[in-house]
Structures are given as structure tokens and as C-alpha cells.
C-alpha atoms as a PDB file:
ATOM      1  CA  MET A   1     -36.840  28.548 -29.542  1.00  0.00           C
ATOM      2  CA  HIS A   2     -37.573  25.014 -31.734  1.00  0.00           C
ATOM      3  CA  LYS A   3     -33.722  26.112 -32.873  1.00  0.00           C
ATOM      4  CA  ALA A   4     -31.548  27.315 -30.517  1.00  0.00           C
ATOM      5  CA  LEU A   5     -33.356  23.453 -28.450  1.00  0.00           C
ATOM      6  CA  LYS A   6     -32.179  21.761 -31.741  1.00  0.00           C
ATOM      7  CA  LEU A   7     -28.296  23.919 -31.712  1.00  0.00           C
ATOM      8  CA  LEU A   8     -28.477  22.334 -27.795  1.00  0.00           C
ATOM      9  CA  ILE A   9     -29.339  18.426 -28.319  1.00  0.00           C
ATOM     10  CA  THR A  10     -26.809  18.411 -31.288  1.00  0.00           C
ATOM     11  CA  LEU A  11     -23.832  20.376 -28.976  1.00  0.00           C
ATOM     12  CA  THR A  12     -24.637  17.938 -26.345  1.00  0.00           C
ATOM     13  CA  LEU A  13     -24.460  14.237 -29.067  1.00  0.00           C
ATOM     14  CA  LEU A  14     -21.731  15.741 -30.362  1.00  0.00           C
ATOM     15  CA  TYR A  15     -19.677  16.377 -26.972  1.00  0.00           C
ATOM     16  CA  ILE A  16     -20.823  13.331 -25.945  1.00  0.00           C
ATOM     17  CA  ALA A  17     -18.995  10.977 -28.836  1.00  0.00           C
ATOM     18  CA  TYR A  18     -16.592  13.287 -28.236  1.00  0.00           C
ATOM     19  CA  ILE A  19     -16.245  11.757 -24.415  1.00  0.00           C
ATOM     20  CA  ALA A  20     -16.712   8.513 -26.318  1.00  0.00           C
ATOM     21  CA  CYS A  21     -13.925   8.925 -29.016  1.00  0.00           C
ATOM     22  CA  THR A  22     -11.264   9.667 -26.502  1.00  0.00           C
ATOM     23  CA  TYR A  23     -12.331   6.931 -23.537  1.00  0.00           C
ATOM     24  CA  SER A  24     -11.790   4.645 -27.077  1.00  0.00           C
ATOM     25  CA  PHE A  25      -8.551   5.246 -28.302  1.00  0.00           C
ATOM     26  CA  ALA A  26      -7.350   5.944 -24.508  1.00  0.00           C
ATOM     27  CA  ASN A  27      -8.244   2.331 -24.346  1.00  0.00           C
ATOM     28  CA  LEU A  28      -6.753   1.537 -26.734  1.00  0.00           C
ATOM     29  CA  ALA A  29      -3.161   2.671 -26.091  1.00  0.00           C
ATOM     30  CA  PHE A  30      -3.524   1.524 -23.188  1.00  0.00           C
ATOM     31  CA  LYS A  31      -4.188  -2.262 -24.190  1.00  0.00           C
ATOM     32  CA  GLN A  32      -0.913  -1.709 -26.181  1.00  0.00           C
ATOM     33  CA  ALA A  33       0.928  -1.341 -23.933  1.00  0.00           C
ATOM     34  CA  GLU A  34      -0.033  -3.811 -21.247  1.00  0.00           C
ATOM     35  CA  LYS A  35       0.036  -6.312 -23.533  1.00  0.00           C
ATOM     36  CA  SER A  36       4.719  -4.817 -23.521  1.00  0.00           C
ATOM     37  CA  LEU A  37       3.693  -5.888 -19.873  1.00  0.00           C
ATOM     38  CA  ILE A  38       2.363  -8.934 -20.252  1.00  0.00           C
ATOM     39  CA  SER A  39       4.796 -10.355 -22.636  1.00  0.00           C
ATOM     40  CA  TRP A  40       8.265  -8.141 -20.180  1.00  0.00           C
ATOM     41  CA  GLN A  41       6.311 -10.419 -17.621  1.00  0.00           C
ATOM     42  CA  ASN A  42       5.570 -13.986 -19.196  1.00  0.00           C
ATOM     43  CA  THR A  43       9.318 -13.599 -20.694  1.00  0.00           C
ATOM     44  CA  GLU A  44      11.366 -10.986 -18.228  1.00  0.00           C
ATOM     45  CA  VAL A  45      12.909  -9.590 -20.735  1.00  0.00           C
ATOM     46  CA  ILE A  46      12.340  -6.359 -23.364  1.00  0.00           C
ATOM     47  CA  THR A  47      13.710  -7.139 -26.848  1.00  0.00           C
ATOM     48  CA  ASN A  48      15.156  -3.840 -27.511  1.00  0.00           C
ATOM     49  CA  THR A  49      14.951   0.076 -26.842  1.00  0.00           C
ATOM     50  CA  GLU A  50      12.142   0.804 -29.236  1.00  0.00           C
ATOM     51  CA  GLN A  51      10.231  -1.665 -27.983  1.00  0.00           C
ATOM     52  CA  TYR A  52      10.298  -0.243 -24.510  1.00  0.00           C
ATOM     53  CA  ASP A  53      10.148   3.424 -25.836  1.00  0.00           C
ATOM     54  CA  LYS A  54       6.440   2.659 -27.960  1.00  0.00           C
ATOM     55  CA  ALA A  55       5.461   0.862 -24.751  1.00  0.00           C
ATOM     56  CA  LEU A  56       6.331   3.703 -22.738  1.00  0.00           C
ATOM     57  CA  THR A  57       4.018   6.900 -25.702  1.00  0.00           C
ATOM     58  CA  ASN A  58       1.272   4.364 -25.821  1.00  0.00           C
ATOM     59  CA  ALA A  59       0.565   4.417 -21.069  1.00  0.00           C
ATOM     60  CA  THR A  60       1.550   8.247 -21.852  1.00  0.00           C
ATOM     61  CA  ASN A  61      -0.773   8.572 -24.757  1.00  0.00           C
ATOM     62  CA  ALA A  62      -4.174   7.021 -22.780  1.00  0.00           C
ATOM     63  CA  ILE A  63      -3.298   9.358 -19.897  1.00  0.00           C
ATOM     64  CA  ASN A  64      -2.942  12.036 -22.058  1.00  0.00           C
ATOM     65  CA  TRP A  65      -6.605  10.639 -23.337  1.00  0.00           C
ATOM     66  CA  HIS A  66      -8.408   9.997 -20.579  1.00  0.00           C
ATOM     67  CA  ILE A  67      -6.592   9.931 -16.908  1.00  0.00           C
ATOM     68  CA  ASN A  68      -7.481   6.814 -15.334  1.00  0.00           C
ATOM     69  CA  PRO A  69      -5.170   4.534 -12.834  1.00  0.00           C
ATOM     70  CA  GLN A  70      -4.756   1.974 -14.529  1.00  0.00           C
ATOM     71  CA  TYR A  71      -3.237   3.678 -17.320  1.00  0.00           C
ATOM     72  CA  LEU A  72      -1.186   5.255 -14.737  1.00  0.00           C
ATOM     73  CA  GLU A  73      -0.370   2.504 -12.987  1.00  0.00           C
ATOM     74  CA  ALA A  74       0.528   0.677 -16.284  1.00  0.00           C
ATOM     75  CA  LYS A  75       2.729   3.694 -17.264  1.00  0.00           C
ATOM     76  CA  ALA A  76       4.766   3.498 -13.222  1.00  0.00           C
ATOM     77  CA  GLN A  77       5.694  -0.668 -13.989  1.00  0.00           C
ATOM     78  CA  ILE A  78       6.592   0.373 -17.641  1.00  0.00           C
ATOM     79  CA  LEU A  79       9.450   2.910 -16.265  1.00  0.00           C
ATOM     80  CA  GLU A  80      10.165   0.277 -13.660  1.00  0.00           C
ATOM     81  CA  TRP A  81      11.389  -2.151 -16.024  1.00  0.00           C
ATOM     82  CA  GLY A  82      13.245   0.248 -17.374  1.00  0.00           C
ATOM     83  CA  VAL A  83      15.302   0.759 -15.118  1.00  0.00           C
ATOM     84  CA  ARG A  84      15.371  -3.232 -14.517  1.00  0.00           C
ATOM     85  CA  THR A  85      16.329  -3.652 -17.700  1.00  0.00           C
ATOM     86  CA  ASN A  86      19.105  -0.932 -18.146  1.00  0.00           C
ATOM     87  CA  ILE A  87      17.486   0.993 -20.798  1.00  0.00           C
ATOM     88  CA  GLU A  88      16.630   3.636 -18.337  1.00  0.00           C
ATOM     89  CA  THR A  89      20.083   5.637 -17.220  1.00  0.00           C
ATOM     90  CA  ASN A  90      18.941   7.820 -13.995  1.00  0.00           C
ATOM     91  CA  LYS A  91      17.586   5.339 -11.913  1.00  0.00           C
ATOM     92  CA  GLN A  92      16.421   7.399  -9.256  1.00  0.00           C
ATOM     93  CA  GLN A  93      14.675  10.490 -11.635  1.00  0.00           C
ATOM     94  CA  THR A  94      13.003   7.321 -13.013  1.00  0.00           C
ATOM     95  CA  LEU A  95      11.578   5.632 -10.105  1.00  0.00           C
ATOM     96  CA  THR A  96      10.332   9.034  -8.193  1.00  0.00           C
ATOM     97  CA  GLU A  97       8.441   9.990 -11.455  1.00  0.00           C
ATOM     98  CA  ALA A  98       6.647   5.993 -10.680  1.00  0.00           C
ATOM     99  CA  LYS A  99       6.283   6.678  -7.937  1.00  0.00           C
ATOM    100  CA  ASN A 100       4.062  10.057  -8.193  1.00  0.00           C
ATOM    101  CA  LEU A 101       2.446   7.786 -11.104  1.00  0.00           C
ATOM    102  CA  TYR A 102       1.435   5.212  -8.222  1.00  0.00           C
ATOM    103  CA  ILE A 103       0.485   8.949  -5.959  1.00  0.00           C
ATOM    104  CA  GLN A 104      -1.775   9.914  -8.646  1.00  0.00           C
ATOM    105  CA  SER A 105      -3.533   6.787  -8.451  1.00  0.00           C
ATOM    106  CA  THR A 106      -4.500   5.582  -5.076  1.00  0.00           C
ATOM    107  CA  GLN A 107      -5.600   9.487  -5.310  1.00  0.00           C
ATOM    108  CA  LEU A 108      -8.154   8.403  -7.909  1.00  0.00           C
ATOM    109  CA  ARG A 109      -8.567   4.422  -6.196  1.00  0.00           C
ATOM    110  CA  PRO A 110      -7.154   4.714  -2.972  1.00  0.00           C
ATOM    111  CA  THR A 111      -8.583   0.856  -1.567  1.00  0.00           C
ATOM    112  CA  TRP A 112      -6.279  -0.781  -4.375  1.00  0.00           C
ATOM    113  CA  PRO A 113      -3.925  -2.971  -2.428  1.00  0.00           C
ATOM    114  CA  GLY A 114      -1.846  -3.374  -5.177  1.00  0.00           C
ATOM    115  CA  THR A 115      -1.181   0.210  -5.089  1.00  0.00           C
ATOM    116  CA  TRP A 116      -0.123   0.765  -1.721  1.00  0.00           C
ATOM    117  CA  ALA A 117       2.097  -2.520  -2.249  1.00  0.00           C
ATOM    118  CA  ALA A 118       3.798  -1.176  -5.246  1.00  0.00           C
ATOM    119  CA  LEU A 119       4.463   1.927  -3.657  1.00  0.00           C
ATOM    120  CA  ALA A 120       5.624   0.772  -0.641  1.00  0.00           C
ATOM    121  CA  LEU A 121       8.480  -1.553  -3.180  1.00  0.00           C
ATOM    122  CA  VAL A 122       9.330   2.050  -5.440  1.00  0.00           C
ATOM    123  CA  LYS A 123      10.048   2.875  -1.613  1.00  0.00           C
ATOM    124  CA  TRP A 124      12.648   0.409  -1.381  1.00  0.00           C
ATOM    125  CA  HIS A 125      14.683   0.723  -4.327  1.00  0.00           C
ATOM    126  CA  LEU A 126      14.472   4.428  -3.554  1.00  0.00           C
ATOM    127  CA  GLY A 127      15.799   4.032  -0.270  1.00  0.00           C
ATOM    128  CA  GLU A 128      13.608   6.039   1.166  1.00  0.00           C
ATOM    129  CA  TYR A 129      12.853   4.138   4.112  1.00  0.00           C
ATOM    130  CA  ASP A 130      10.335   6.008   5.877  1.00  0.00           C
ATOM    131  CA  GLU A 131       7.061   6.399   8.089  1.00  0.00           C
ATOM    132  CA  GLN A 132       5.706   7.148   4.261  1.00  0.00           C
ATOM    133  CA  MET A 133       7.336   3.295   3.667  1.00  0.00           C
ATOM    134  CA  GLN A 134       5.708   1.824   6.465  1.00  0.00           C
ATOM    135  CA  GLN A 135       1.882   3.357   5.854  1.00  0.00           C
ATOM    136  CA  TYR A 136       2.027   2.596   2.461  1.00  0.00           C
ATOM    137  CA  LEU A 137       2.361  -0.834   3.592  1.00  0.00           C
ATOM    138  CA  LEU A 138       0.165  -0.879   6.299  1.00  0.00           C
ATOM    139  CA  ASN A 139      -2.621   0.614   3.802  1.00  0.00           C
ATOM    140  CA  ALA A 140      -1.831  -2.735   1.072  1.00  0.00           C
ATOM    141  CA  HIS A 141      -1.842  -4.763   4.468  1.00  0.00           C
ATOM    142  CA  ILE A 142      -5.248  -3.030   5.535  1.00  0.00           C
ATOM    143  CA  PHE A 143      -7.353  -3.029   2.037  1.00  0.00           C
ATOM    144  CA  GLY A 144      -6.011  -6.588   0.684  1.00  0.00           C
ATOM    145  CA  LYS A 145      -4.391  -8.433   3.255  1.00  0.00           C
ATOM    146  CA  ASN A 146      -4.954 -11.343   1.560  1.00  0.00           C
ATOM    147  CA  THR A 147      -3.867 -10.564  -1.871  1.00  0.00           C
ATOM    148  CA  LYS A 148      -0.766 -12.262  -3.320  1.00  0.00           C
ATOM    149  CA  GLN A 149       0.445  -9.119  -4.641  1.00  0.00           C
ATOM    150  CA  VAL A 150       0.077  -8.145  -0.598  1.00  0.00           C
ATOM    151  CA  HIS A 151       1.643 -11.468   1.100  1.00  0.00           C
ATOM    152  CA  ILE A 152       4.579 -11.303  -1.373  1.00  0.00           C
ATOM    153  CA  ILE A 153       5.346  -7.451  -0.741  1.00  0.00           C
ATOM    154  CA  TRP A 154       5.383  -7.985   3.089  1.00  0.00           C
ATOM    155  CA  SER A 155       7.410 -10.801   2.946  1.00  0.00           C
ATOM    156  CA  GLU A 156      10.078  -9.359   1.310  1.00  0.00           C
ATOM    157  CA  LEU A 157      10.166  -6.090   2.299  1.00  0.00           C
ATOM    158  CA  GLY A 158       9.019  -6.767   5.971  1.00  0.00           C
ATOM    159  CA  LYS A 159      11.728  -9.355   5.959  1.00  0.00           C
ATOM    160  CA  ALA A 160      14.763  -7.076   3.969  1.00  0.00           C
ATOM    161  CA  LEU A 161      13.461  -4.746   6.797  1.00  0.00           C
ATOM    162  CA  HIS A 162      13.586  -7.062   9.803  1.00  0.00           C
ATOM    163  CA  ASN A 163      17.658  -8.544   8.440  1.00  0.00           C
ATOM    164  CA  SER A 164      18.784  -5.049   8.038  1.00  0.00           C
ATOM    165  CA  GLU A 165      21.641  -3.714  10.127  1.00  0.00           C
ATOM    166  CA  ASN A 166      20.945  -0.589  10.220  1.00  0.00           C
ATOM    167  CA  PRO A 167      18.322   0.508  13.314  1.00  0.00           C
ATOM    168  CA  ALA A 168      16.419   2.416  11.403  1.00  0.00           C
ATOM    169  CA  HIS A 169      14.889   0.406   8.892  1.00  0.00           C
ATOM    170  CA  LYS A 170      14.325  -2.533  11.899  1.00  0.00           C
ATOM    171  CA  ALA A 171      12.552  -0.347  13.775  1.00  0.00           C
ATOM    172  CA  LEU A 172       9.872   0.567  10.807  1.00  0.00           C
ATOM    173  CA  ILE A 173       9.081  -3.002  10.736  1.00  0.00           C
ATOM    174  CA  ALA A 174       9.094  -4.451  14.303  1.00  0.00           C
ATOM    175  CA  PRO A 175       5.853  -3.191  15.404  1.00  0.00           C
ATOM    176  CA  TYR A 176       4.820  -4.866  13.051  1.00  0.00           C
ATOM    177  CA  LEU A 177       6.402  -8.640  12.941  1.00  0.00           C
ATOM    178  CA  ASP A 178       2.925  -9.935  13.157  1.00  0.00           C
ATOM    179  CA  VAL A 179       2.174  -8.495   9.606  1.00  0.00           C
ATOM    180  CA  VAL A 180       5.181  -9.662   8.631  1.00  0.00           C
ATOM    181  CA  ASP A 181       4.878 -13.501   9.508  1.00  0.00           C
ATOM    182  CA  TYR A 182       1.195 -13.492   8.968  1.00  0.00           C
ATOM    183  CA  HIS A 183       1.952 -13.036   4.673  1.00  0.00           C
ATOM    184  CA  THR A 184       5.350 -14.966   5.185  1.00  0.00           C
ATOM    185  CA  GLN A 185       2.869 -18.319   5.616  1.00  0.00           C
ATOM    186  CA  HIS A 186       0.489 -17.049   3.004  1.00  0.00           C
ATOM    187  CA  VAL A 187       3.499 -17.184   0.351  1.00  0.00           C
ATOM    188  CA  LYS A 188       5.017 -19.956   1.679  1.00  0.00           C
ATOM    189  CA  LEU A 189       1.648 -21.940   1.422  1.00  0.00           C
ATOM    190  CA  LYS A 190       1.285 -20.857  -2.092  1.00  0.00           C
ATOM    191  CA  THR A 191       4.765 -21.598  -3.635  1.00  0.00           C
ATOM    192  CA  HIS A 192       3.690 -20.450  -7.031  1.00  0.00           C
ATOM    193  CA  ALA A 193       3.633 -17.263  -5.854  1.00  0.00           C
ATOM    194  CA  LYS A 194       5.913 -15.539  -7.900  1.00  0.00           C
ATOM    195  CA  PRO A 195       7.560 -12.565  -6.322  1.00  0.00           C
ATOM    196  CA  ARG A 196       8.567  -9.044  -7.923  1.00  0.00           C
ATOM    197  CA  GLN A 197      12.112  -9.203  -9.355  1.00  0.00           C
ATOM    198  CA  PRO A 198      13.855  -6.672  -8.196  1.00  0.00           C
ATOM    199  CA  ILE A 199      15.096  -3.073  -8.937  1.00  0.00           C
END
């Protein structure tokens, strides 16, 4: 009985140590991917394809070690940069993969407004003007109506839909023009706010 208990404790400790290691490896890989993203956001340039591939590998490795909303969104953002800089040649496929990563993130962290805003933007870049895009925008507003990213996305996307020559696009945003105005006013008040570059 004593030996069995000792074995159980040993196995439990080994399992805890394994989990701690996987979390550490995942976080280390994520930090490397995040470092690349911060650099690109500051310089608006990806130096070379190898830099992009390394960042994408780091994000993928982080996810393989541990499923975490931050890691999923880091990979999605890297893929968006790949499209933006023409490193990724299949725009639709790559943006769809990014969209699916954001959706997976919302399942783990459903009240995070930035994720819903990012989803609406990806839908825009994919040309998917539908009620799902509308719902993503609404979720972003509901969970983060006072956050900078939500202000910017609502202002940019809301005005683009409203000014569209397509009646269906106008109809998506027509019931929420007061919300568009709300966010647009906040963007004007925060002139330092820098919007995400269009793809």
C-alpha cells in the first residue's frame, strides 16, 4: 500500500512537471512570435521571408504546446501580415485560416472585444459582407465600446459600409449609424490612435 501511494505521488509530480514544461515551452515560443509582431507593427516592414516563416513557426509551436487565446490570435495576426506583405500568395485561404483562429479564440475567451473586432475586419478583407460580420461588430461594441481597437474598427468599417454603392452593404450598418457616430467621435478625440493597415 505504501509503495502504491509512493508511486502515485511520483507519477502525479511527474505529470505536474510535464504540464509546467509544456506551458513554459509554449510561452517561450509565443514570446518570440510576439516580438516579431511588435517589430512589424513599429516598422510596418517584414525584413524577409525567413523572418516571417520563423514567426509563424513559433506561433504554431506555441499552439501545439498549449491552446491559448493569445497564441491563436498571434498566429492569426502573423498570417494577416503575410497577406499584407504579399508573402502569402493565396489571400483567401490565408485569411480564412486567420478567421478560423480568431473564432477558436472567441470560444475560449468570448468576451474579449479585440477578437470580435479583428474578426469583423477579416470578414471585410474576405469580402464576406453578411449578418455574421454584423454580429462580430456588435459583439465588439457590447464587450468593449470604450476600447481603442473597437473605436477604430467601427469607425473604419462602419463608414465603408455606409458609403458603399451596394445596397446590401448599406443595409448591414443602417440600424447602427448611431453606434458608428459614437466610435467615430472617439477616434477623432484620440487623434493619436493608429488604425490597422488595410490588407
